[in-house]
Amino acid sequence: IVAADLAERCEVQLAYSIGVAEPVSINVDTFGTGVLKDEELTNI
């Protein structure tokens, strides 16, 4: 994300449950430096 110049800084969080394949949550935080809303980057 940062190398693509979509943000100056970026933190990504994933969370999981034991035995379950898909993450239970996904979050992107660009600290106000993103070219898109964080929710849009999360979907992308």
ModelCIF file with pLDDT and N, C-alpha, C, O atoms, coordinates in Angstrom:
data_MODEL
#
_entry.id   MODEL 
#
_entity.id                         1 
_entity.type                       polymer 
_entity.pdbx_number_of_molecules   1 
#
_entity_poly.entity_id                      1 
_entity_poly.type                           'polypeptide(L)' 
_entity_poly.nstd_linkage                   no 
_entity_poly.nstd_monomer                   no 
_entity_poly.pdbx_seq_one_letter_code       IVAADLAERCEVQLAYSIGVAEPVSINVDTFGTGVLKDEELTNI 
_entity_poly.pdbx_seq_one_letter_code_can   IVAADLAERCEVQLAYSIGVAEPVSINVDTFGTGVLKDEELTNI 
_entity_poly.pdbx_strand_id                 A 
#
loop_
_entity_poly_seq.entity_id 
_entity_poly_seq.num 
_entity_poly_seq.mon_id 
_entity_poly_seq.hetero 
1 1  ILE n 
1 2  VAL n 
1 3  ALA n 
1 4  ALA n 
1 5  ASP n 
1 6  LEU n 
1 7  ALA n 
1 8  GLU n 
1 9  ARG n 
1 10 CYS n 
1 11 GLU n 
1 12 VAL n 
1 13 GLN n 
1 14 LEU n 
1 15 ALA n 
1 16 TYR n 
1 17 SER n 
1 18 ILE n 
1 19 GLY n 
1 20 VAL n 
1 21 ALA n 
1 22 GLU n 
1 23 PRO n 
1 24 VAL n 
1 25 SER n 
1 26 ILE n 
1 27 ASN n 
1 28 VAL n 
1 29 ASP n 
1 30 THR n 
1 31 PHE n 
1 32 GLY n 
1 33 THR n 
1 34 GLY n 
1 35 VAL n 
1 36 LEU n 
1 37 LYS n 
1 38 ASP n 
1 39 GLU n 
1 40 GLU n 
1 41 LEU n 
1 42 THR n 
1 43 ASN n 
1 44 ILE n 
#
_struct_asym.id          A 
_struct_asym.entity_id   1 
#
loop_
_ma_qa_metric.id 
_ma_qa_metric.mode 
_ma_qa_metric.name 
_ma_qa_metric.software_group_id 
_ma_qa_metric.type 
1 global pLDDT . pLDDT 
2 local  pLDDT . pLDDT 
#
_ma_qa_metric_global.metric_id      1 
_ma_qa_metric_global.metric_value   95.84 
_ma_qa_metric_global.model_id       1 
_ma_qa_metric_global.ordinal_id     1 
#
loop_
_ma_qa_metric_local.label_asym_id 
_ma_qa_metric_local.label_comp_id 
_ma_qa_metric_local.label_seq_id 
_ma_qa_metric_local.metric_id 
_ma_qa_metric_local.metric_value 
_ma_qa_metric_local.model_id 
_ma_qa_metric_local.ordinal_id 
A ILE 1  2 98.00 1 1  
A VAL 2  2 98.00 1 2  
A ALA 3  2 98.00 1 3  
A ALA 4  2 97.00 1 4  
A ASP 5  2 97.00 1 5  
A LEU 6  2 97.00 1 6  
A ALA 7  2 97.00 1 7  
A GLU 8  2 97.00 1 8  
A ARG 9  2 98.00 1 9  
A CYS 10 2 98.00 1 10 
A GLU 11 2 98.00 1 11 
A VAL 12 2 98.00 1 12 
A GLN 13 2 98.00 1 13 
A LEU 14 2 98.00 1 14 
A ALA 15 2 97.00 1 15 
A TYR 16 2 96.00 1 16 
A SER 17 2 93.00 1 17 
A ILE 18 2 89.00 1 18 
A GLY 19 2 86.00 1 19 
A VAL 20 2 90.00 1 20 
A ALA 21 2 91.00 1 21 
A GLU 22 2 94.00 1 22 
A PRO 23 2 96.00 1 23 
A VAL 24 2 97.00 1 24 
A SER 25 2 97.00 1 25 
A ILE 26 2 98.00 1 26 
A ASN 27 2 97.00 1 27 
A VAL 28 2 98.00 1 28 
A ASP 29 2 98.00 1 29 
A THR 30 2 98.00 1 30 
A PHE 31 2 97.00 1 31 
A GLY 32 2 96.00 1 32 
A THR 33 2 96.00 1 33 
A GLY 34 2 96.00 1 34 
A VAL 35 2 94.00 1 35 
A LEU 36 2 94.00 1 36 
A LYS 37 2 95.00 1 37 
A ASP 38 2 96.00 1 38 
A GLU 39 2 96.00 1 39 
A GLU 40 2 94.00 1 40 
A LEU 41 2 96.00 1 41 
A THR 42 2 96.00 1 42 
A ASN 43 2 94.00 1 43 
A ILE 44 2 95.00 1 44 
#
loop_
_atom_site.group_PDB 
_atom_site.id 
_atom_site.type_symbol 
_atom_site.label_atom_id 
_atom_site.label_alt_id 
_atom_site.label_comp_id 
_atom_site.label_asym_id 
_atom_site.label_entity_id 
_atom_site.label_seq_id 
_atom_site.pdbx_PDB_ins_code 
_atom_site.Cartn_x 
_atom_site.Cartn_y 
_atom_site.Cartn_z 
_atom_site.occupancy 
_atom_site.B_iso_or_equiv 
_atom_site.pdbx_formal_charge 
_atom_site.auth_seq_id 
_atom_site.auth_comp_id 
_atom_site.auth_asym_id 
_atom_site.auth_atom_id 
_atom_site.pdbx_PDB_model_num 
ATOM 1   N N  . ILE A 1 1  ? 0.835   -1.203  0.000  1.00 98.00 ? 1  ILE A N  1 
ATOM 2   C CA . ILE A 1 1  ? 0.000   0.000   0.000  1.00 98.00 ? 1  ILE A CA 1 
ATOM 3   C C  . ILE A 1 1  ? 0.869   1.253   0.000  1.00 98.00 ? 1  ILE A C  1 
ATOM 4   O O  . ILE A 1 1  ? 0.611   2.188   -0.757 1.00 98.00 ? 1  ILE A O  1 
ATOM 5   N N  . VAL A 1 2  ? 1.893   1.275   0.841  1.00 98.00 ? 2  VAL A N  1 
ATOM 6   C CA . VAL A 1 2  ? 2.779   2.440   0.914  1.00 98.00 ? 2  VAL A CA 1 
ATOM 7   C C  . VAL A 1 2  ? 3.642   2.549   -0.342 1.00 98.00 ? 2  VAL A C  1 
ATOM 8   O O  . VAL A 1 2  ? 3.837   3.643   -0.871 1.00 98.00 ? 2  VAL A O  1 
ATOM 9   N N  . ALA A 1 3  ? 4.158   1.419   -0.815 1.00 98.00 ? 3  ALA A N  1 
ATOM 10  C CA . ALA A 1 3  ? 4.980   1.433   -2.028 1.00 98.00 ? 3  ALA A CA 1 
ATOM 11  C C  . ALA A 1 3  ? 4.191   1.883   -3.249 1.00 98.00 ? 3  ALA A C  1 
ATOM 12  O O  . ALA A 1 3  ? 4.762   2.446   -4.183 1.00 98.00 ? 3  ALA A O  1 
ATOM 13  N N  . ALA A 1 4  ? 2.885   1.643   -3.250 1.00 97.00 ? 4  ALA A N  1 
ATOM 14  C CA . ALA A 1 4  ? 2.015   2.070   -4.353 1.00 97.00 ? 4  ALA A CA 1 
ATOM 15  C C  . ALA A 1 4  ? 1.590   3.526   -4.233 1.00 97.00 ? 4  ALA A C  1 
ATOM 16  O O  . ALA A 1 4  ? 0.800   4.011   -5.043 1.00 97.00 ? 4  ALA A O  1 
ATOM 17  N N  . ASP A 1 5  ? 2.112   4.230   -3.220 1.00 97.00 ? 5  ASP A N  1 
ATOM 18  C CA . ASP A 1 5  ? 1.771   5.641   -2.961 1.00 97.00 ? 5  ASP A CA 1 
ATOM 19  C C  . ASP A 1 5  ? 0.287   5.824   -2.660 1.00 97.00 ? 5  ASP A C  1 
ATOM 20  O O  . ASP A 1 5  ? -0.288  6.874   -2.948 1.00 97.00 ? 5  ASP A O  1 
ATOM 21  N N  . LEU A 1 6  ? -0.317  4.810   -2.088 1.00 97.00 ? 6  LEU A N  1 
ATOM 22  C CA . LEU A 1 6  ? -1.707  4.920   -1.657 1.00 97.00 ? 6  LEU A CA 1 
ATOM 23  C C  . LEU A 1 6  ? -1.806  5.490   -0.254 1.00 97.00 ? 6  LEU A C  1 
ATOM 24  O O  . LEU A 1 6  ? -2.889  5.867   0.194  1.00 97.00 ? 6  LEU A O  1 
ATOM 25  N N  . ALA A 1 7  ? -0.670  5.555   0.442  1.00 97.00 ? 7  ALA A N  1 
ATOM 26  C CA . ALA A 1 7  ? -0.601  6.151   1.785  1.00 97.00 ? 7  ALA A CA 1 
ATOM 27  C C  . ALA A 1 7  ? 0.858   6.406   2.132  1.00 97.00 ? 7  ALA A C  1 
ATOM 28  O O  . ALA A 1 7  ? 1.751   5.743   1.604  1.00 97.00 ? 7  ALA A O  1 
ATOM 29  N N  . GLU A 1 8  ? 1.098   7.360   3.014  1.00 97.00 ? 8  GLU A N  1 
ATOM 30  C CA . GLU A 1 8  ? 2.451   7.629   3.505  1.00 97.00 ? 8  GLU A CA 1 
ATOM 31  C C  . GLU A 1 8  ? 2.851   6.637   4.593  1.00 97.00 ? 8  GLU A C  1 
ATOM 32  O O  . GLU A 1 8  ? 4.029   6.332   4.778  1.00 97.00 ? 8  GLU A O  1 
ATOM 33  N N  . ARG A 1 9  ? 1.853   6.149   5.296  1.00 98.00 ? 9  ARG A N  1 
ATOM 34  C CA . ARG A 1 9  ? 2.069   5.163   6.356  1.00 98.00 ? 9  ARG A CA 1 
ATOM 35  C C  . ARG A 1 9  ? 0.800   4.333   6.474  1.00 98.00 ? 9  ARG A C  1 
ATOM 36  O O  . ARG A 1 9  ? -0.299  4.819   6.209  1.00 98.00 ? 9  ARG A O  1 
ATOM 37  N N  . CYS A 1 10 ? 0.960   3.099   6.867  1.00 98.00 ? 10 CYS A N  1 
ATOM 38  C CA . CYS A 1 10 ? -0.194  2.197   6.881  1.00 98.00 ? 10 CYS A CA 1 
ATOM 39  C C  . CYS A 1 10 ? 0.009   1.109   7.919  1.00 98.00 ? 10 CYS A C  1 
ATOM 40  O O  . CYS A 1 10 ? 1.086   0.521   8.024  1.00 98.00 ? 10 CYS A O  1 
ATOM 41  N N  . GLU A 1 11 ? -1.036  0.850   8.680  1.00 98.00 ? 11 GLU A N  1 
ATOM 42  C CA . GLU A 1 11 ? -1.064  -0.265  9.624  1.00 98.00 ? 11 GLU A CA 1 
ATOM 43  C C  . GLU A 1 11 ? -2.255  -1.152  9.295  1.00 98.00 ? 11 GLU A C  1 
ATOM 44  O O  . GLU A 1 11 ? -3.371  -0.667  9.112  1.00 98.00 ? 11 GLU A O  1 
ATOM 45  N N  . VAL A 1 12 ? -2.009  -2.456  9.222  1.00 98.00 ? 12 VAL A N  1 
ATOM 46  C CA . VAL A 1 12 ? -3.054  -3.421  8.888  1.00 98.00 ? 12 VAL A CA 1 
ATOM 47  C C  . VAL A 1 12 ? -3.217  -4.382  10.055 1.00 98.00 ? 12 VAL A C  1 
ATOM 48  O O  . VAL A 1 12 ? -2.228  -4.870  10.602 1.00 98.00 ? 12 VAL A O  1 
ATOM 49  N N  . GLN A 1 13 ? -4.455  -4.657  10.440 1.00 98.00 ? 13 GLN A N  1 
ATOM 50  C CA . GLN A 1 13 ? -4.736  -5.649  11.471 1.00 98.00 ? 13 GLN A CA 1 
ATOM 51  C C  . GLN A 1 13 ? -5.580  -6.776  10.895 1.00 98.00 ? 13 GLN A C  1 
ATOM 52  O O  . GLN A 1 13 ? -6.553  -6.531  10.180 1.00 98.00 ? 13 GLN A O  1 
ATOM 53  N N  . LEU A 1 14 ? -5.202  -8.018  11.211 1.00 98.00 ? 14 LEU A N  1 
ATOM 54  C CA . LEU A 1 14 ? -6.032  -9.193  10.969 1.00 98.00 ? 14 LEU A CA 1 
ATOM 55  C C  . LEU A 1 14 ? -6.286  -9.878  12.306 1.00 98.00 ? 14 LEU A C  1 
ATOM 56  O O  . LEU A 1 14 ? -5.441  -9.830  13.200 1.00 98.00 ? 14 LEU A O  1 
ATOM 57  N N  . ALA A 1 15 ? -7.435  -10.508 12.443 1.00 97.00 ? 15 ALA A N  1 
ATOM 58  C CA . ALA A 1 15 ? -7.738  -11.287 13.653 1.00 97.00 ? 15 ALA A CA 1 
ATOM 59  C C  . ALA A 1 15 ? -8.392  -12.596 13.245 1.00 97.00 ? 15 ALA A C  1 
ATOM 60  O O  . ALA A 1 15 ? -9.132  -12.650 12.262 1.00 97.00 ? 15 ALA A O  1 
ATOM 61  N N  . TYR A 1 16 ? -8.114  -13.667 14.014 1.00 96.00 ? 16 TYR A N  1 
ATOM 62  C CA . TYR A 1 16 ? -8.562  -15.009 13.667 1.00 96.00 ? 16 TYR A CA 1 
ATOM 63  C C  . TYR A 1 16 ? -9.151  -15.727 14.873 1.00 96.00 ? 16 TYR A C  1 
ATOM 64  O O  . TYR A 1 16 ? -8.888  -15.384 16.026 1.00 96.00 ? 16 TYR A O  1 
ATOM 65  N N  . SER A 1 17 ? -9.963  -16.741 14.562 1.00 93.00 ? 17 SER A N  1 
ATOM 66  C CA . SER A 1 17 ? -10.446 -17.701 15.559 1.00 93.00 ? 17 SER A CA 1 
ATOM 67  C C  . SER A 1 17 ? -9.817  -19.041 15.261 1.00 93.00 ? 17 SER A C  1 
ATOM 68  O O  . SER A 1 17 ? -9.631  -19.385 14.094 1.00 93.00 ? 17 SER A O  1 
ATOM 69  N N  . ILE A 1 18 ? -9.483  -19.809 16.289 1.00 89.00 ? 18 ILE A N  1 
ATOM 70  C CA . ILE A 1 18 ? -8.909  -21.129 16.079 1.00 89.00 ? 18 ILE A CA 1 
ATOM 71  C C  . ILE A 1 18 ? -9.878  -22.010 15.287 1.00 89.00 ? 18 ILE A C  1 
ATOM 72  O O  . ILE A 1 18 ? -11.075 -22.059 15.567 1.00 89.00 ? 18 ILE A O  1 
ATOM 73  N N  . GLY A 1 19 ? -9.316  -22.710 14.281 1.00 86.00 ? 19 GLY A N  1 
ATOM 74  C CA . GLY A 1 19 ? -10.106 -23.636 13.492 1.00 86.00 ? 19 GLY A CA 1 
ATOM 75  C C  . GLY A 1 19 ? -10.907 -23.011 12.365 1.00 86.00 ? 19 GLY A C  1 
ATOM 76  O O  . GLY A 1 19 ? -11.535 -23.732 11.589 1.00 86.00 ? 19 GLY A O  1 
ATOM 77  N N  . VAL A 1 20 ? -10.903 -21.684 12.253 1.00 90.00 ? 20 VAL A N  1 
ATOM 78  C CA . VAL A 1 20 ? -11.670 -20.976 11.229 1.00 90.00 ? 20 VAL A CA 1 
ATOM 79  C C  . VAL A 1 20 ? -10.710 -20.360 10.223 1.00 90.00 ? 20 VAL A C  1 
ATOM 80  O O  . VAL A 1 20 ? -9.718  -19.742 10.608 1.00 90.00 ? 20 VAL A O  1 
ATOM 81  N N  . ALA A 1 21 ? -10.996 -20.525 8.942  1.00 91.00 ? 21 ALA A N  1 
ATOM 82  C CA . ALA A 1 21 ? -10.061 -20.086 7.906  1.00 91.00 ? 21 ALA A CA 1 
ATOM 83  C C  . ALA A 1 21 ? -10.090 -18.578 7.683  1.00 91.00 ? 21 ALA A C  1 
ATOM 84  O O  . ALA A 1 21 ? -9.039  -17.938 7.660  1.00 91.00 ? 21 ALA A O  1 
ATOM 85  N N  . GLU A 1 22 ? -11.257 -18.013 7.523  1.00 94.00 ? 22 GLU A N  1 
ATOM 86  C CA . GLU A 1 22 ? -11.347 -16.583 7.202  1.00 94.00 ? 22 GLU A CA 1 
ATOM 87  C C  . GLU A 1 22 ? -11.088 -15.735 8.457  1.00 94.00 ? 22 GLU A C  1 
ATOM 88  O O  . GLU A 1 22 ? -11.490 -16.115 9.556  1.00 94.00 ? 22 GLU A O  1 
ATOM 89  N N  . PRO A 1 23 ? -10.426 -14.603 8.295  1.00 96.00 ? 23 PRO A N  1 
ATOM 90  C CA . PRO A 1 23 ? -10.233 -13.727 9.459  1.00 96.00 ? 23 PRO A CA 1 
ATOM 91  C C  . PRO A 1 23 ? -11.565 -13.220 9.994  1.00 96.00 ? 23 PRO A C  1 
ATOM 92  O O  . PRO A 1 23 ? -12.502 -12.996 9.226  1.00 96.00 ? 23 PRO A O  1 
ATOM 93  N N  . VAL A 1 24 ? -11.651 -13.039 11.298 1.00 97.00 ? 24 VAL A N  1 
ATOM 94  C CA . VAL A 1 24 ? -12.887 -12.527 11.896 1.00 97.00 ? 24 VAL A CA 1 
ATOM 95  C C  . VAL A 1 24 ? -12.981 -11.011 11.759 1.00 97.00 ? 24 VAL A C  1 
ATOM 96  O O  . VAL A 1 24 ? -14.069 -10.445 11.858 1.00 97.00 ? 24 VAL A O  1 
ATOM 97  N N  . SER A 1 25 ? -11.837 -10.348 11.528 1.00 97.00 ? 25 SER A N  1 
ATOM 98  C CA . SER A 1 25 ? -11.871 -8.907  11.269 1.00 97.00 ? 25 SER A CA 1 
ATOM 99  C C  . SER A 1 25 ? -10.638 -8.491  10.476 1.00 97.00 ? 25 SER A C  1 
ATOM 100 O O  . SER A 1 25 ? -9.578  -9.113  10.553 1.00 97.00 ? 25 SER A O  1 
ATOM 101 N N  . ILE A 1 26 ? -10.817 -7.412  9.709  1.00 98.00 ? 26 ILE A N  1 
ATOM 102 C CA . ILE A 1 26 ? -9.749  -6.818  8.898  1.00 98.00 ? 26 ILE A CA 1 
ATOM 103 C C  . ILE A 1 26 ? -9.843  -5.316  9.084  1.00 98.00 ? 26 ILE A C  1 
ATOM 104 O O  . ILE A 1 26 ? -10.927 -4.739  9.001  1.00 98.00 ? 26 ILE A O  1 
ATOM 105 N N  . ASN A 1 27 ? -8.707  -4.683  9.334  1.00 97.00 ? 27 ASN A N  1 
ATOM 106 C CA . ASN A 1 27 ? -8.723  -3.232  9.517  1.00 97.00 ? 27 ASN A CA 1 
ATOM 107 C C  . ASN A 1 27 ? -7.491  -2.604  8.878  1.00 97.00 ? 27 ASN A C  1 
ATOM 108 O O  . ASN A 1 27 ? -6.384  -3.126  9.008  1.00 97.00 ? 27 ASN A O  1 
ATOM 109 N N  . VAL A 1 28 ? -7.681  -1.499  8.197  1.00 98.00 ? 28 VAL A N  1 
ATOM 110 C CA . VAL A 1 28 ? -6.588  -0.716  7.623  1.00 98.00 ? 28 VAL A CA 1 
ATOM 111 C C  . VAL A 1 28 ? -6.643  0.684   8.213  1.00 98.00 ? 28 VAL A C  1 
ATOM 112 O O  . VAL A 1 28 ? -7.706  1.303   8.248  1.00 98.00 ? 28 VAL A O  1 
ATOM 113 N N  . ASP A 1 29 ? -5.503  1.185   8.677  1.00 98.00 ? 29 ASP A N  1 
ATOM 114 C CA . ASP A 1 29 ? -5.396  2.538   9.231  1.00 98.00 ? 29 ASP A CA 1 
ATOM 115 C C  . ASP A 1 29 ? -4.241  3.252   8.538  1.00 98.00 ? 29 ASP A C  1 
ATOM 116 O O  . ASP A 1 29 ? -3.088  2.847   8.680  1.00 98.00 ? 29 ASP A O  1 
ATOM 117 N N  . THR A 1 30 ? -4.542  4.308   7.793  1.00 98.00 ? 30 THR A N  1 
ATOM 118 C CA . THR A 1 30 ? -3.495  5.071   7.105  1.00 98.00 ? 30 THR A CA 1 
ATOM 119 C C  . THR A 1 30 ? -3.189  6.390   7.807  1.00 98.00 ? 30 THR A C  1 
ATOM 120 O O  . THR A 1 30 ? -2.461  7.222   7.266  1.00 98.00 ? 30 THR A O  1 
ATOM 121 N N  . PHE A 1 31 ? -3.729  6.588   8.989  1.00 97.00 ? 31 PHE A N  1 
ATOM 122 C CA . PHE A 1 31 ? -3.405  7.743   9.829  1.00 97.00 ? 31 PHE A CA 1 
ATOM 123 C C  . PHE A 1 31 ? -3.641  9.070   9.101  1.00 97.00 ? 31 PHE A C  1 
ATOM 124 O O  . PHE A 1 31 ? -2.907  10.041  9.285  1.00 97.00 ? 31 PHE A O  1 
ATOM 125 N N  . GLY A 1 32 ? -4.677  9.080   8.277  1.00 96.00 ? 32 GLY A N  1 
ATOM 126 C CA . GLY A 1 32 ? -5.019  10.308  7.555  1.00 96.00 ? 32 GLY A CA 1 
ATOM 127 C C  . GLY A 1 32 ? -4.155  10.594  6.349  1.00 96.00 ? 32 GLY A C  1 
ATOM 128 O O  . GLY A 1 32 ? -4.258  11.674  5.768  1.00 96.00 ? 32 GLY A O  1 
ATOM 129 N N  . THR A 1 33 ? -3.301  9.654   5.950  1.00 96.00 ? 33 THR A N  1 
ATOM 130 C CA . THR A 1 33 ? -2.394  9.886   4.809  1.00 96.00 ? 33 THR A CA 1 
ATOM 131 C C  . THR A 1 33 ? -2.833  9.159   3.543  1.00 96.00 ? 33 THR A C  1 
ATOM 132 O O  . THR A 1 33 ? -2.156  9.265   2.521  1.00 96.00 ? 33 THR A O  1 
ATOM 133 N N  . GLY A 1 34 ? -3.947  8.424   3.577  1.00 96.00 ? 34 GLY A N  1 
ATOM 134 C CA . GLY A 1 34 ? -4.358  7.615   2.440  1.00 96.00 ? 34 GLY A CA 1 
ATOM 135 C C  . GLY A 1 34 ? -5.034  8.422   1.341  1.00 96.00 ? 34 GLY A C  1 
ATOM 136 O O  . GLY A 1 34 ? -5.658  9.450   1.604  1.00 96.00 ? 34 GLY A O  1 
ATOM 137 N N  . VAL A 1 35 ? -4.904  7.944   0.109  1.00 94.00 ? 35 VAL A N  1 
ATOM 138 C CA . VAL A 1 35 ? -5.580  8.586   -1.026 1.00 94.00 ? 35 VAL A CA 1 
ATOM 139 C C  . VAL A 1 35 ? -7.037  8.132   -1.102 1.00 94.00 ? 35 VAL A C  1 
ATOM 140 O O  . VAL A 1 35 ? -7.847  8.749   -1.794 1.00 94.00 ? 35 VAL A O  1 
ATOM 141 N N  . LEU A 1 36 ? -7.364  7.062   -0.395 1.00 94.00 ? 36 LEU A N  1 
ATOM 142 C CA . LEU A 1 36 ? -8.731  6.570   -0.284 1.00 94.00 ? 36 LEU A CA 1 
ATOM 143 C C  . LEU A 1 36 ? -9.121  6.494   1.184  1.00 94.00 ? 36 LEU A C  1 
ATOM 144 O O  . LEU A 1 36 ? -8.267  6.567   2.068  1.00 94.00 ? 36 LEU A O  1 
ATOM 145 N N  . LYS A 1 37 ? -10.403 6.348   1.433  1.00 95.00 ? 37 LYS A N  1 
ATOM 146 C CA . LYS A 1 37 ? -10.845 6.091   2.800  1.00 95.00 ? 37 LYS A CA 1 
ATOM 147 C C  . LYS A 1 37 ? -10.321 4.730   3.250  1.00 95.00 ? 37 LYS A C  1 
ATOM 148 O O  . LYS A 1 37 ? -10.173 3.814   2.441  1.00 95.00 ? 37 LYS A O  1 
ATOM 149 N N  . ASP A 1 38 ? -10.044 4.607   4.534  1.00 96.00 ? 38 ASP A N  1 
ATOM 150 C CA . ASP A 1 38 ? -9.521  3.343   5.061  1.00 96.00 ? 38 ASP A CA 1 
ATOM 151 C C  . ASP A 1 38 ? -10.479 2.187   4.803  1.00 96.00 ? 38 ASP A C  1 
ATOM 152 O O  . ASP A 1 38 ? -10.036 1.066   4.556  1.00 96.00 ? 38 ASP A O  1 
ATOM 153 N N  . GLU A 1 39 ? -11.789 2.442   4.858  1.00 96.00 ? 39 GLU A N  1 
ATOM 154 C CA . GLU A 1 39 ? -12.757 1.379   4.611  1.00 96.00 ? 39 GLU A CA 1 
ATOM 155 C C  . GLU A 1 39 ? -12.666 0.880   3.169  1.00 96.00 ? 39 GLU A C  1 
ATOM 156 O O  . GLU A 1 39 ? -12.837 -0.311  2.904  1.00 96.00 ? 39 GLU A O  1 
ATOM 157 N N  . GLU A 1 40 ? -12.397 1.798   2.241  1.00 94.00 ? 40 GLU A N  1 
ATOM 158 C CA . GLU A 1 40 ? -12.260 1.404   0.840  1.00 94.00 ? 40 GLU A CA 1 
ATOM 159 C C  . GLU A 1 40 ? -11.014 0.549   0.635  1.00 94.00 ? 40 GLU A C  1 
ATOM 160 O O  . GLU A 1 40 ? -11.053 -0.447  -0.088 1.00 94.00 ? 40 GLU A O  1 
ATOM 161 N N  . LEU A 1 41 ? -9.914  0.935   1.271  1.00 96.00 ? 41 LEU A N  1 
ATOM 162 C CA . LEU A 1 41 ? -8.697  0.123   1.182  1.00 96.00 ? 41 LEU A CA 1 
ATOM 163 C C  . LEU A 1 41 ? -8.906  -1.250  1.801  1.00 96.00 ? 41 LEU A C  1 
ATOM 164 O O  . LEU A 1 41 ? -8.391  -2.245  1.292  1.00 96.00 ? 41 LEU A O  1 
ATOM 165 N N  . THR A 1 42 ? -9.658  -1.312  2.895  1.00 96.00 ? 42 THR A N  1 
ATOM 166 C CA . THR A 1 42 ? -9.953  -2.587  3.541  1.00 96.00 ? 42 THR A CA 1 
ATOM 167 C C  . THR A 1 42 ? -10.675 -3.520  2.579  1.00 96.00 ? 42 THR A C  1 
ATOM 168 O O  . THR A 1 42 ? -10.379 -4.714  2.535  1.00 96.00 ? 42 THR A O  1 
ATOM 169 N N  . ASN A 1 43 ? -11.619 -2.989  1.808  1.00 94.00 ? 43 ASN A N  1 
ATOM 170 C CA . ASN A 1 43 ? -12.340 -3.807  0.828  1.00 94.00 ? 43 ASN A CA 1 
ATOM 171 C C  . ASN A 1 43 ? -11.425 -4.244  -0.312 1.00 94.00 ? 43 ASN A C  1 
ATOM 172 O O  . ASN A 1 43 ? -11.501 -5.386  -0.767 1.00 94.00 ? 43 ASN A O  1 
ATOM 173 N N  . ILE A 1 44 ? -10.561 -3.341  -0.776 1.00 95.00 ? 44 ILE A N  1 
ATOM 174 C CA . ILE A 1 44 ? -9.700  -3.623  -1.919 1.00 95.00 ? 44 ILE A CA 1 
ATOM 175 C C  . ILE A 1 44 ? -8.694  -4.720  -1.609 1.00 95.00 ? 44 ILE A C  1 
ATOM 176 O O  . ILE A 1 44 ? -7.890  -5.081  -2.469 1.00 95.00 ? 44 ILE A O  1 
#
